[in-house]
Protein backbone atom coordinates (compact mmCIF):
# COMPACT_ATOMS: atom_id res chain seq x y z
CA UNK A 1 -5.50 69.98 130.72
CA UNK A 2 -7.05 72.63 128.46
CA UNK A 3 -4.70 74.91 126.53
CA UNK A 4 -6.09 78.41 125.86
CA UNK A 5 -4.08 78.87 122.66
CA UNK A 6 -3.64 76.35 119.87
CA UNK A 7 -0.26 75.07 118.79
CA UNK A 8 1.43 77.22 116.16
CA UNK A 9 0.99 75.99 112.60
CA UNK A 10 3.79 73.98 111.10
CA UNK A 11 5.86 75.90 108.59
CA UNK A 12 7.99 74.68 105.75
CA UNK A 13 11.69 75.37 106.00
CA UNK A 14 12.11 77.16 102.68
CA UNK A 15 14.63 79.75 101.67
CA UNK A 16 13.85 82.84 99.61
CA UNK A 17 16.22 81.42 96.99
CA UNK A 18 14.17 78.35 96.13
CA UNK A 19 13.88 78.98 92.38
CA UNK A 20 16.57 80.44 90.06
CA UNK A 21 15.16 83.98 89.75
CA UNK A 22 14.29 84.45 93.41
CA UNK A 23 17.76 85.64 94.43
CA UNK A 24 17.58 88.37 91.79
CA UNK A 25 14.09 89.38 92.97
CA UNK A 26 15.25 89.42 96.59
CA UNK A 27 18.18 91.71 95.71
CA UNK A 28 15.86 94.03 93.77
CA UNK A 29 13.47 94.18 96.73
CA UNK A 30 16.36 94.99 99.08
CA UNK A 31 17.51 97.81 96.78
CA UNK A 32 13.98 99.22 96.64
CA UNK A 33 13.62 99.13 100.43
CA UNK A 34 17.06 100.69 100.90
CA UNK A 35 16.12 103.46 98.48
CA UNK A 36 13.14 104.48 100.62
CA UNK A 37 14.22 103.50 104.12
CA UNK A 38 17.93 104.41 103.95
CA UNK A 39 18.13 107.58 101.86
CA UNK A 40 21.51 108.87 100.82
CA UNK A 41 22.94 111.38 103.27
CA UNK A 42 23.68 113.80 100.44
CA UNK A 43 20.04 114.04 99.41
CA UNK A 44 18.79 114.98 102.87
CA UNK A 45 17.80 118.60 103.25
CA UNK A 46 18.39 120.03 106.66
CA UNK A 47 15.88 122.41 108.19
CA UNK A 48 17.33 125.85 108.72
CA UNK A 49 15.80 127.34 111.85
CA UNK A 50 14.16 130.72 111.68
CA UNK A 51 16.18 133.63 112.94
CA UNK A 52 13.00 135.42 113.98
CA UNK A 53 13.32 134.37 117.64
CA UNK A 54 17.03 134.85 118.14
CA UNK A 55 18.08 137.64 120.42
CA UNK A 56 19.12 140.13 117.80
CA UNK A 57 18.99 143.92 118.09
CA UNK A 58 18.15 144.36 114.39
CA UNK A 59 14.72 142.64 114.66
CA UNK A 60 12.00 145.27 114.56
CA UNK A 61 8.88 145.07 116.72
CA UNK A 62 6.49 145.16 113.77
CA UNK A 63 7.90 141.95 112.24
CA UNK A 64 7.68 140.16 115.58
CA UNK A 65 4.06 141.28 116.10
CA UNK A 66 3.04 140.24 112.57
CA UNK A 67 4.63 136.83 113.04
CA UNK A 68 2.93 136.38 116.42
CA UNK A 69 -0.44 137.41 114.97
CA UNK A 70 -0.15 134.96 112.08
CA UNK A 71 0.92 132.16 114.43
CA UNK A 72 -2.03 132.78 116.74
CA UNK A 73 -4.46 132.94 113.81
CA UNK A 74 -3.16 129.59 112.54
CA UNK A 75 -3.42 128.06 116.02
CA UNK A 76 -7.01 129.33 116.29
CA UNK A 77 -7.87 127.78 112.94
CA UNK A 78 -6.34 124.43 113.91
CA UNK A 79 -8.20 124.31 117.23
CA UNK A 80 -11.52 125.08 115.57
CA UNK A 81 -10.89 122.31 113.01
CA UNK A 82 -10.10 119.86 115.81
CA UNK A 83 -13.15 120.98 117.81
CA UNK A 84 -15.37 120.14 114.84
CA UNK A 85 -14.33 116.47 115.11
CA UNK A 86 -14.80 116.10 118.88
CA UNK A 87 -18.07 114.53 120.03
CA UNK A 88 -19.21 115.77 123.42
CA UNK A 89 -21.38 113.47 125.56
């Protein structure tokens, strides 16, 4: 009977603590990974949402129109940049 995949290679049963300094290196690597992958909760900066779109009577029409105009101009620029990379058949 033909097997479509070969047997997995044999691996040595070694621990990461095989030589005296490896445990220290492993702990240092864990600290480095924790620093980047598990940041401290105190260092996180939370995004404060814009109050521009809240229902508030003190928002003037001019500010809303300027914001809408800038948003549409940015969206137009992004779509033209994306269109430059699309290849049509």
